[in-house]
Amino acid sequence: FTISRDNFKNTVYLQMNSLKFEDTAVYYCAAFTGP
């Protein structure tokens, strides 16, 4: 997996490769209180 962000687009990405059965889940995005 690779996380990245484009602050100009105000978007954060999670690239998920070589997926396995155990990766099955609900995925949540969370913003923190600071940087």
PDB file of all heavy atoms in Angstrom:
ATOM      1  N   PHE A   1       0.840  -1.196   0.000  1.00  0.00           N
ATOM      2  CA  PHE A   1       0.000   0.000   0.000  1.00  0.00           C
ATOM      3  C   PHE A   1       0.875   1.246   0.000  1.00  0.00           C
ATOM      4  O   PHE A   1       1.971   1.259   0.583  1.00  0.00           O
ATOM      5  CB  PHE A   1      -0.899   0.040   1.233  1.00  0.00           C
ATOM      6  CG  PHE A   1      -1.995  -0.994   1.268  1.00  0.00           C
ATOM      7  CD1 PHE A   1      -2.054  -2.033   0.356  1.00  0.00           C
ATOM      8  CD2 PHE A   1      -2.979  -0.913   2.242  1.00  0.00           C
ATOM      9  CE1 PHE A   1      -3.065  -2.979   0.403  1.00  0.00           C
ATOM     10  CE2 PHE A   1      -3.993  -1.850   2.299  1.00  0.00           C
ATOM     11  CZ  PHE A   1      -4.041  -2.885   1.387  1.00  0.00           C
ATOM     12  N   THR A   2       0.376   2.308  -0.610  1.00  0.00           N
ATOM     13  CA  THR A   2       1.059   3.592  -0.621  1.00  0.00           C
ATOM     14  C   THR A   2       0.062   4.707  -0.353  1.00  0.00           C
ATOM     15  O   THR A   2      -0.949   4.816  -1.046  1.00  0.00           O
ATOM     16  CB  THR A   2       1.758   3.855  -1.961  1.00  0.00           C
ATOM     17  OG1 THR A   2       2.691   2.801  -2.245  1.00  0.00           O
ATOM     18  CG2 THR A   2       2.520   5.178  -1.910  1.00  0.00           C
ATOM     19  N   ILE A   3       0.352   5.525   0.647  1.00  0.00           N
ATOM     20  CA  ILE A   3      -0.485   6.682   0.942  1.00  0.00           C
ATOM     21  C   ILE A   3       0.161   7.922   0.328  1.00  0.00           C
ATOM     22  O   ILE A   3       1.387   8.055   0.306  1.00  0.00           O
ATOM     23  CB  ILE A   3      -0.687   6.850   2.462  1.00  0.00           C
ATOM     24  CG1 ILE A   3      -1.781   7.879   2.762  1.00  0.00           C
ATOM     25  CG2 ILE A   3       0.612   7.213   3.165  1.00  0.00           C
ATOM     26  CD1 ILE A   3      -2.202   7.906   4.226  1.00  0.00           C
ATOM     27  N   SER A   4      -0.660   8.813  -0.180  1.00  0.00           N
ATOM     28  CA  SER A   4      -0.163  10.057  -0.753  1.00  0.00           C
ATOM     29  C   SER A   4      -1.241  11.120  -0.619  1.00  0.00           C
ATOM     30  O   SER A   4      -2.398  10.818  -0.317  1.00  0.00           O
ATOM     31  CB  SER A   4       0.237   9.869  -2.224  1.00  0.00           C
ATOM     32  OG  SER A   4      -0.882   9.496  -3.013  1.00  0.00           O
ATOM     33  N   ARG A   5      -0.857  12.359  -0.853  1.00  0.00           N
ATOM     34  CA  ARG A   5      -1.850  13.426  -0.807  1.00  0.00           C
ATOM     35  C   ARG A   5      -1.521  14.511  -1.812  1.00  0.00           C
ATOM     36  O   ARG A   5      -0.353  14.761  -2.134  1.00  0.00           O
ATOM     37  CB  ARG A   5      -1.975  14.008   0.610  1.00  0.00           C
ATOM     38  CG  ARG A   5      -0.781  14.805   1.116  1.00  0.00           C
ATOM     39  CD  ARG A   5      -0.922  15.100   2.620  1.00  0.00           C
ATOM     40  NE  ARG A   5      -2.141  15.846   2.917  1.00  0.00           N
ATOM     41  CZ  ARG A   5      -2.668  15.974   4.128  1.00  0.00           C
ATOM     42  NH1 ARG A   5      -2.093  15.385   5.179  1.00  0.00           N
ATOM     43  NH2 ARG A   5      -3.780  16.676   4.308  1.00  0.00           N
ATOM     44  N   ASP A   6      -2.565  15.142  -2.290  1.00  0.00           N
ATOM     45  CA  ASP A   6      -2.464  16.287  -3.178  1.00  0.00           C
ATOM     46  C   ASP A   6      -3.241  17.405  -2.504  1.00  0.00           C
ATOM     47  O   ASP A   6      -4.466  17.465  -2.601  1.00  0.00           O
ATOM     48  CB  ASP A   6      -3.030  15.957  -4.558  1.00  0.00           C
ATOM     49  CG  ASP A   6      -2.818  17.072  -5.558  1.00  0.00           C
ATOM     50  OD1 ASP A   6      -2.688  18.247  -5.154  1.00  0.00           O
ATOM     51  OD2 ASP A   6      -2.783  16.775  -6.770  1.00  0.00           O
ATOM     52  N   ASN A   7      -2.527  18.264  -1.802  1.00  0.00           N
ATOM     53  CA  ASN A   7      -3.201  19.303  -1.031  1.00  0.00           C
ATOM     54  C   ASN A   7      -3.874  20.352  -1.912  1.00  0.00           C
ATOM     55  O   ASN A   7      -4.826  21.007  -1.484  1.00  0.00           O
ATOM     56  CB  ASN A   7      -2.208  19.965  -0.071  1.00  0.00           C
ATOM     57  CG  ASN A   7      -1.887  19.082   1.129  1.00  0.00           C
ATOM     58  OD1 ASN A   7      -2.622  18.150   1.444  1.00  0.00           O
ATOM     59  ND2 ASN A   7      -0.780  19.383   1.795  1.00  0.00           N
ATOM     60  N   PHE A   8      -3.389  20.510  -3.140  1.00  0.00           N
ATOM     61  CA  PHE A   8      -4.052  21.420  -4.060  1.00  0.00           C
ATOM     62  C   PHE A   8      -5.443  20.902  -4.414  1.00  0.00           C
ATOM     63  O   PHE A   8      -6.392  21.684  -4.547  1.00  0.00           O
ATOM     64  CB  PHE A   8      -3.217  21.616  -5.325  1.00  0.00           C
ATOM     65  CG  PHE A   8      -3.814  22.578  -6.303  1.00  0.00           C
ATOM     66  CD1 PHE A   8      -3.733  23.944  -6.094  1.00  0.00           C
ATOM     67  CD2 PHE A   8      -4.469  22.124  -7.438  1.00  0.00           C
ATOM     68  CE1 PHE A   8      -4.285  24.847  -6.991  1.00  0.00           C
ATOM     69  CE2 PHE A   8      -5.026  23.007  -8.343  1.00  0.00           C
ATOM     70  CZ  PHE A   8      -4.935  24.369  -8.119  1.00  0.00           C
ATOM     71  N   LYS A   9      -5.570  19.579  -4.572  1.00  0.00           N
ATOM     72  CA  LYS A   9      -6.859  18.959  -4.857  1.00  0.00           C
ATOM     73  C   LYS A   9      -7.637  18.630  -3.594  1.00  0.00           C
ATOM     74  O   LYS A   9      -8.775  18.160  -3.679  1.00  0.00           O
ATOM     75  CB  LYS A   9      -6.663  17.681  -5.679  1.00  0.00           C
ATOM     76  CG  LYS A   9      -6.096  17.919  -7.067  1.00  0.00           C
ATOM     77  CD  LYS A   9      -5.973  16.604  -7.829  1.00  0.00           C
ATOM     78  CE  LYS A   9      -5.453  16.821  -9.228  1.00  0.00           C
ATOM     79  NZ  LYS A   9      -5.314  15.557  -9.977  1.00  0.00           N
ATOM     80  N   ASN A  10      -7.012  18.836  -2.441  1.00  0.00           N
ATOM     81  CA  ASN A  10      -7.644  18.566  -1.153  1.00  0.00           C
ATOM     82  C   ASN A  10      -8.066  17.095  -1.043  1.00  0.00           C
ATOM     83  O   ASN A  10      -9.154  16.774  -0.559  1.00  0.00           O
ATOM     84  CB  ASN A  10      -8.858  19.476  -0.927  1.00  0.00           C
ATOM     85  CG  ASN A  10      -9.148  19.702   0.543  1.00  0.00           C
ATOM     86  OD1 ASN A  10      -8.244  19.856   1.356  1.00  0.00           O
ATOM     87  ND2 ASN A  10     -10.437  19.731   0.896  1.00  0.00           N
ATOM     88  N   THR A  11      -7.168  16.215  -1.483  1.00  0.00           N
ATOM     89  CA  THR A  11      -7.466  14.791  -1.548  1.00  0.00           C
ATOM     90  C   THR A  11      -6.295  13.963  -1.031  1.00  0.00           C
ATOM     91  O   THR A  11      -5.132  14.295  -1.287  1.00  0.00           O
ATOM     92  CB  THR A  11      -7.788  14.370  -2.991  1.00  0.00           C
ATOM     93  OG1 THR A  11      -8.882  15.156  -3.486  1.00  0.00           O
ATOM     94  CG2 THR A  11      -8.182  12.906  -3.056  1.00  0.00           C
ATOM     95  N   VAL A  12      -6.613  12.911  -0.312  1.00  0.00           N
ATOM     96  CA  VAL A  12      -5.640  11.930   0.148  1.00  0.00           C
ATOM     97  C   VAL A  12      -5.983  10.592  -0.486  1.00  0.00           C
ATOM     98  O   VAL A  12      -7.156  10.223  -0.576  1.00  0.00           O
ATOM     99  CB  VAL A  12      -5.640  11.815   1.679  1.00  0.00           C
ATOM    100  CG1 VAL A  12      -4.656  10.751   2.143  1.00  0.00           C
ATOM    101  CG2 VAL A  12      -5.286  13.156   2.306  1.00  0.00           C
ATOM    102  N   TYR A  13      -4.966   9.859  -0.917  1.00  0.00           N
ATOM    103  CA  TYR A  13      -5.162   8.602  -1.618  1.00  0.00           C
ATOM    104  C   TYR A  13      -4.545   7.439  -0.852  1.00  0.00           C
ATOM    105  O   TYR A  13      -3.591   7.601  -0.091  1.00  0.00           O
ATOM    106  CB  TYR A  13      -4.519   8.646  -3.005  1.00  0.00           C
ATOM    107  CG  TYR A  13      -4.983   9.785  -3.871  1.00  0.00           C
ATOM    108  CD1 TYR A  13      -4.244  10.957  -3.955  1.00  0.00           C
ATOM    109  CD2 TYR A  13      -6.160   9.687  -4.604  1.00  0.00           C
ATOM    110  CE1 TYR A  13      -4.660  12.006  -4.750  1.00  0.00           C
ATOM    111  CE2 TYR A  13      -6.590  10.733  -5.401  1.00  0.00           C
ATOM    112  CZ  TYR A  13      -5.838  11.888  -5.473  1.00  0.00           C
ATOM    113  OH  TYR A  13      -6.261  12.926  -6.273  1.00  0.00           O
ATOM    114  N   LEU A  14      -5.085   6.258  -1.091  1.00  0.00           N
ATOM    115  CA  LEU A  14      -4.468   5.025  -0.641  1.00  0.00           C
ATOM    116  C   LEU A  14      -4.436   4.067  -1.827  1.00  0.00           C
ATOM    117  O   LEU A  14      -5.479   3.552  -2.241  1.00  0.00           O
ATOM    118  CB  LEU A  14      -5.227   4.395   0.526  1.00  0.00           C
ATOM    119  CG  LEU A  14      -4.580   3.144   1.124  1.00  0.00           C
ATOM    120  CD1 LEU A  14      -3.265   3.501   1.818  1.00  0.00           C
ATOM    121  CD2 LEU A  14      -5.524   2.453   2.104  1.00  0.00           C
ATOM    122  N   GLN A  15      -3.253   3.871  -2.386  1.00  0.00           N
ATOM    123  CA  GLN A  15      -3.071   2.919  -3.472  1.00  0.00           C
ATOM    124  C   GLN A  15      -2.832   1.545  -2.875  1.00  0.00           C
ATOM    125  O   GLN A  15      -1.897   1.359  -2.098  1.00  0.00           O
ATOM    126  CB  GLN A  15      -1.890   3.322  -4.351  1.00  0.00           C
ATOM    127  CG  GLN A  15      -1.615   2.377  -5.512  1.00  0.00           C
ATOM    128  CD  GLN A  15      -2.721   2.366  -6.535  1.00  0.00           C
ATOM    129  OE1 GLN A  15      -3.192   3.425  -6.945  1.00  0.00           O
ATOM    130  NE2 GLN A  15      -3.158   1.187  -6.956  1.00  0.00           N
ATOM    131  N   MET A  16      -3.661   0.590  -3.248  1.00  0.00           N
ATOM    132  CA  MET A  16      -3.632  -0.747  -2.675  1.00  0.00           C
ATOM    133  C   MET A  16      -3.297  -1.743  -3.782  1.00  0.00           C
ATOM    134  O   MET A  16      -4.086  -1.932  -4.706  1.00  0.00           O
ATOM    135  CB  MET A  16      -4.978  -1.092  -2.046  1.00  0.00           C
ATOM    136  CG  MET A  16      -5.490  -0.019  -1.087  1.00  0.00           C
ATOM    137  SD  MET A  16      -7.248  -0.198  -0.679  1.00  0.00           S
ATOM    138  CE  MET A  16      -7.215  -1.728   0.242  1.00  0.00           C
ATOM    139  N   ASN A  17      -2.133  -2.362  -3.679  1.00  0.00           N
ATOM    140  CA  ASN A  17      -1.683  -3.341  -4.662  1.00  0.00           C
ATOM    141  C   ASN A  17      -1.534  -4.713  -4.023  1.00  0.00           C
ATOM    142  O   ASN A  17      -1.464  -4.842  -2.804  1.00  0.00           O
ATOM    143  CB  ASN A  17      -0.343  -2.916  -5.270  1.00  0.00           C
ATOM    144  CG  ASN A  17      -0.412  -1.609  -6.010  1.00  0.00           C
ATOM    145  OD1 ASN A  17      -1.422  -1.276  -6.630  1.00  0.00           O
ATOM    146  ND2 ASN A  17       0.681  -0.844  -5.981  1.00  0.00           N
ATOM    147  N   SER A  18      -1.464  -5.728  -4.870  1.00  0.00           N
ATOM    148  CA  SER A  18      -1.289  -7.110  -4.412  1.00  0.00           C
ATOM    149  C   SER A  18      -2.266  -7.459  -3.304  1.00  0.00           C
ATOM    150  O   SER A  18      -1.902  -7.998  -2.255  1.00  0.00           O
ATOM    151  CB  SER A  18       0.157  -7.331  -3.944  1.00  0.00           C
ATOM    152  OG  SER A  18       1.076  -7.063  -4.977  1.00  0.00           O
ATOM    153  N   LEU A  19      -3.521  -7.169  -3.542  1.00  0.00           N
ATOM    154  CA  LEU A  19      -4.541  -7.342  -2.510  1.00  0.00           C
ATOM    155  C   LEU A  19      -4.740  -8.807  -2.144  1.00  0.00           C
ATOM    156  O   LEU A  19      -4.677  -9.694  -2.997  1.00  0.00           O
ATOM    157  CB  LEU A  19      -5.853  -6.720  -2.969  1.00  0.00           C
ATOM    158  CG  LEU A  19      -5.876  -5.190  -2.900  1.00  0.00           C
ATOM    159  CD1 LEU A  19      -6.994  -4.620  -3.746  1.00  0.00           C
ATOM    160  CD2 LEU A  19      -6.022  -4.731  -1.447  1.00  0.00           C
ATOM    161  N   LYS A  20      -4.992  -9.040  -0.866  1.00  0.00           N
ATOM    162  CA  LYS A  20      -5.197 -10.365  -0.315  1.00  0.00           C
ATOM    163  C   LYS A  20      -6.597 -10.477   0.272  1.00  0.00           C
ATOM    164  O   LYS A  20      -7.245  -9.471   0.551  1.00  0.00           O
ATOM    165  CB  LYS A  20      -4.169 -10.649   0.789  1.00  0.00           C
ATOM    166  CG  LYS A  20      -2.720 -10.474   0.375  1.00  0.00           C
ATOM    167  CD  LYS A  20      -1.800 -10.633   1.577  1.00  0.00           C
ATOM    168  CE  LYS A  20      -0.348 -10.459   1.195  1.00  0.00           C
ATOM    169  NZ  LYS A  20       0.549 -10.591   2.367  1.00  0.00           N
ATOM    170  N   PHE A  21      -7.056 -11.713   0.485  1.00  0.00           N
ATOM    171  CA  PHE A  21      -8.359 -11.928   1.100  1.00  0.00           C
ATOM    172  C   PHE A  21      -8.473 -11.185   2.426  1.00  0.00           C
ATOM    173  O   PHE A  21      -9.533 -10.625   2.739  1.00  0.00           O
ATOM    174  CB  PHE A  21      -8.612 -13.419   1.328  1.00  0.00           C
ATOM    175  CG  PHE A  21      -8.774 -14.220   0.073  1.00  0.00           C
ATOM    176  CD1 PHE A  21      -7.878 -15.225  -0.231  1.00  0.00           C
ATOM    177  CD2 PHE A  21      -9.825 -13.984  -0.797  1.00  0.00           C
ATOM    178  CE1 PHE A  21      -8.022 -15.981  -1.387  1.00  0.00           C
ATOM    179  CE2 PHE A  21      -9.982 -14.726  -1.954  1.00  0.00           C
ATOM    180  CZ  PHE A  21      -9.074 -15.732  -2.249  1.00  0.00           C
ATOM    181  N   GLU A  22      -7.402 -11.181   3.213  1.00  0.00           N
ATOM    182  CA  GLU A  22      -7.430 -10.566   4.526  1.00  0.00           C
ATOM    183  C   GLU A  22      -7.477  -9.040   4.496  1.00  0.00           C
ATOM    184  O   GLU A  22      -7.608  -8.402   5.547  1.00  0.00           O
ATOM    185  CB  GLU A  22      -6.234 -11.038   5.373  1.00  0.00           C
ATOM    186  CG  GLU A  22      -4.899 -10.926   4.665  1.00  0.00           C
ATOM    187  CD  GLU A  22      -4.464 -12.227   4.009  1.00  0.00           C
ATOM    188  OE1 GLU A  22      -5.304 -12.881   3.365  1.00  0.00           O
ATOM    189  OE2 GLU A  22      -3.279 -12.598   4.152  1.00  0.00           O
ATOM    190  N   ASP A  23      -7.361  -8.443   3.320  1.00  0.00           N
ATOM    191  CA  ASP A  23      -7.530  -7.001   3.193  1.00  0.00           C
ATOM    192  C   ASP A  23      -9.000  -6.595   3.139  1.00  0.00           C
ATOM    193  O   ASP A  23      -9.307  -5.397   3.159  1.00  0.00           O
ATOM    194  CB  ASP A  23      -6.820  -6.478   1.943  1.00  0.00           C
ATOM    195  CG  ASP A  23      -5.311  -6.621   2.020  1.00  0.00           C
ATOM    196  OD1 ASP A  23      -4.734  -6.355   3.094  1.00  0.00           O
ATOM    197  OD2 ASP A  23      -4.702  -6.996   0.993  1.00  0.00           O
ATOM    198  N   THR A  24      -9.889  -7.561   3.040  1.00  0.00           N
ATOM    199  CA  THR A  24     -11.317  -7.273   3.002  1.00  0.00           C
ATOM    200  C   THR A  24     -11.748  -6.577   4.286  1.00  0.00           C
ATOM    201  O   THR A  24     -11.534  -7.091   5.381  1.00  0.00           O
ATOM    202  CB  THR A  24     -12.125  -8.559   2.809  1.00  0.00           C
ATOM    203  OG1 THR A  24     -11.817  -9.126   1.533  1.00  0.00           O
ATOM    204  CG2 THR A  24     -13.620  -8.273   2.876  1.00  0.00           C
ATOM    205  N   ALA A  25     -12.341  -5.399   4.152  1.00  0.00           N
ATOM    206  CA  ALA A  25     -12.744  -4.602   5.311  1.00  0.00           C
ATOM    207  C   ALA A  25     -13.456  -3.349   4.825  1.00  0.00           C
ATOM    208  O   ALA A  25     -13.444  -3.034   3.638  1.00  0.00           O
ATOM    209  CB  ALA A  25     -11.526  -4.210   6.154  1.00  0.00           C
ATOM    210  N   VAL A  26     -14.052  -2.643   5.768  1.00  0.00           N
ATOM    211  CA  VAL A  26     -14.495  -1.282   5.510  1.00  0.00           C
ATOM    212  C   VAL A  26     -13.325  -0.360   5.817  1.00  0.00           C
ATOM    213  O   VAL A  26     -12.736  -0.438   6.895  1.00  0.00           O
ATOM    214  CB  VAL A  26     -15.717  -0.900   6.359  1.00  0.00           C
ATOM    215  CG1 VAL A  26     -16.113   0.549   6.107  1.00  0.00           C
ATOM    216  CG2 VAL A  26     -16.888  -1.827   6.038  1.00  0.00           C
ATOM    217  N   TYR A  27     -12.997   0.498   4.885  1.00  0.00           N
ATOM    218  CA  TYR A  27     -11.876   1.411   5.033  1.00  0.00           C
ATOM    219  C   TYR A  27     -12.387   2.809   5.342  1.00  0.00           C
ATOM    220  O   TYR A  27     -13.278   3.321   4.660  1.00  0.00           O
ATOM    221  CB  TYR A  27     -11.023   1.425   3.762  1.00  0.00           C
ATOM    222  CG  TYR A  27     -10.151   0.200   3.631  1.00  0.00           C
ATOM    223  CD1 TYR A  27     -10.704  -1.043   3.347  1.00  0.00           C
ATOM    224  CD2 TYR A  27      -8.768   0.283   3.818  1.00  0.00           C
ATOM    225  CE1 TYR A  27      -9.909  -2.175   3.253  1.00  0.00           C
ATOM    226  CE2 TYR A  27      -7.968  -0.845   3.715  1.00  0.00           C
ATOM    227  CZ  TYR A  27      -8.539  -2.070   3.433  1.00  0.00           C
ATOM    228  OH  TYR A  27      -7.751  -3.194   3.334  1.00  0.00           O
ATOM    229  N   TYR A  28     -11.791   3.419   6.366  1.00  0.00           N
ATOM    230  CA  TYR A  28     -12.200   4.730   6.843  1.00  0.00           C
ATOM    231  C   TYR A  28     -11.063   5.734   6.712  1.00  0.00           C
ATOM    232  O   TYR A  28      -9.906   5.415   6.982  1.00  0.00           O
ATOM    233  CB  TYR A  28     -12.610   4.675   8.314  1.00  0.00           C
ATOM    234  CG  TYR A  28     -13.771   3.768   8.618  1.00  0.00           C
ATOM    235  CD1 TYR A  28     -13.569   2.431   8.932  1.00  0.00           C
ATOM    236  CD2 TYR A  28     -15.072   4.255   8.597  1.00  0.00           C
ATOM    237  CE1 TYR A  28     -14.634   1.596   9.213  1.00  0.00           C
ATOM    238  CE2 TYR A  28     -16.145   3.434   8.880  1.00  0.00           C
ATOM    239  CZ  TYR A  28     -15.922   2.093   9.192  1.00  0.00           C
ATOM    240  OH  TYR A  28     -16.980   1.274   9.476  1.00  0.00           O
ATOM    241  N   CYS A  29     -11.406   6.934   6.346  1.00  0.00           N
ATOM    242  CA  CYS A  29     -10.482   8.056   6.342  1.00  0.00           C
ATOM    243  C   CYS A  29     -10.701   8.873   7.602  1.00  0.00           C
ATOM    244  O   CYS A  29     -11.839   9.095   8.018  1.00  0.00           O
ATOM    245  CB  CYS A  29     -10.726   8.909   5.096  1.00  0.00           C
ATOM    246  SG  CYS A  29      -9.751  10.416   4.999  1.00  0.00           S
ATOM    247  N   ALA A  30      -9.617   9.325   8.231  1.00  0.00           N
ATOM    248  CA  ALA A  30      -9.715  10.104   9.454  1.00  0.00           C
ATOM    249  C   ALA A  30      -8.776  11.296   9.406  1.00  0.00           C
ATOM    250  O   ALA A  30      -7.610  11.163   9.032  1.00  0.00           O
ATOM    251  CB  ALA A  30      -9.378   9.238  10.669  1.00  0.00           C
ATOM    252  N   ALA A  31      -9.291  12.447   9.784  1.00  0.00           N
ATOM    253  CA  ALA A  31      -8.490  13.658   9.908  1.00  0.00           C
ATOM    254  C   ALA A  31      -8.073  13.845  11.356  1.00  0.00           C
ATOM    255  O   ALA A  31      -8.873  13.629  12.272  1.00  0.00           O
ATOM    256  CB  ALA A  31      -9.276  14.868   9.421  1.00  0.00           C
ATOM    257  N   PHE A  32      -6.845  14.264  11.568  1.00  0.00           N
ATOM    258  CA  PHE A  32      -6.306  14.435  12.901  1.00  0.00           C
ATOM    259  C   PHE A  32      -6.495  15.858  13.413  1.00  0.00           C
ATOM    260  O   PHE A  32      -6.927  16.752  12.686  1.00  0.00           O
ATOM    261  CB  PHE A  32      -4.824  14.058  12.909  1.00  0.00           C
ATOM    262  CG  PHE A  32      -4.562  12.579  12.898  1.00  0.00           C
ATOM    263  CD1 PHE A  32      -5.083  11.772  11.897  1.00  0.00           C
ATOM    264  CD2 PHE A  32      -3.801  11.984  13.892  1.00  0.00           C
ATOM    265  CE1 PHE A  32      -4.859  10.407  11.883  1.00  0.00           C
ATOM    266  CE2 PHE A  32      -3.560  10.618  13.890  1.00  0.00           C
ATOM    267  CZ  PHE A  32      -4.091   9.834  12.878  1.00  0.00           C
ATOM    268  N   THR A  33      -6.143  16.070  14.687  1.00  0.00           N
ATOM    269  CA  THR A  33      -6.285  17.375  15.306  1.00  0.00           C
ATOM    270  C   THR A  33      -5.155  18.328  14.956  1.00  0.00           C
ATOM    271  O   THR A  33      -5.262  19.532  15.200  1.00  0.00           O
ATOM    272  CB  THR A  33      -6.354  17.253  16.837  1.00  0.00           C
ATOM    273  OG1 THR A  33      -5.185  16.579  17.318  1.00  0.00           O
ATOM    274  CG2 THR A  33      -7.588  16.460  17.258  1.00  0.00           C
ATOM    275  N   GLY A  34      -4.076  17.798  14.413  1.00  0.00           N
ATOM    276  CA  GLY A  34      -2.930  18.602  14.065  1.00  0.00           C
ATOM    277  C   GLY A  34      -2.193  18.038  12.878  1.00  0.00           C
ATOM    278  O   GLY A  34      -2.666  17.102  12.221  1.00  0.00           O
ATOM    279  N   PRO A  35      -1.015  18.563  12.590  1.00  0.00           N
ATOM    280  CA  PRO A  35      -0.293  18.188  11.372  1.00  0.00           C
ATOM    281  C   PRO A  35       0.462  16.868  11.429  1.00  0.00           C
ATOM    282  O   PRO A  35       0.866  16.368  10.375  1.00  0.00           O
ATOM    283  CB  PRO A  35       0.695  19.351  11.188  1.00  0.00           C
ATOM    284  CG  PRO A  35       0.948  19.836  12.574  1.00  0.00           C
ATOM    285  CD  PRO A  35      -0.364  19.673  13.298  1.00  0.00           C
TER     286      PRO A  35
END
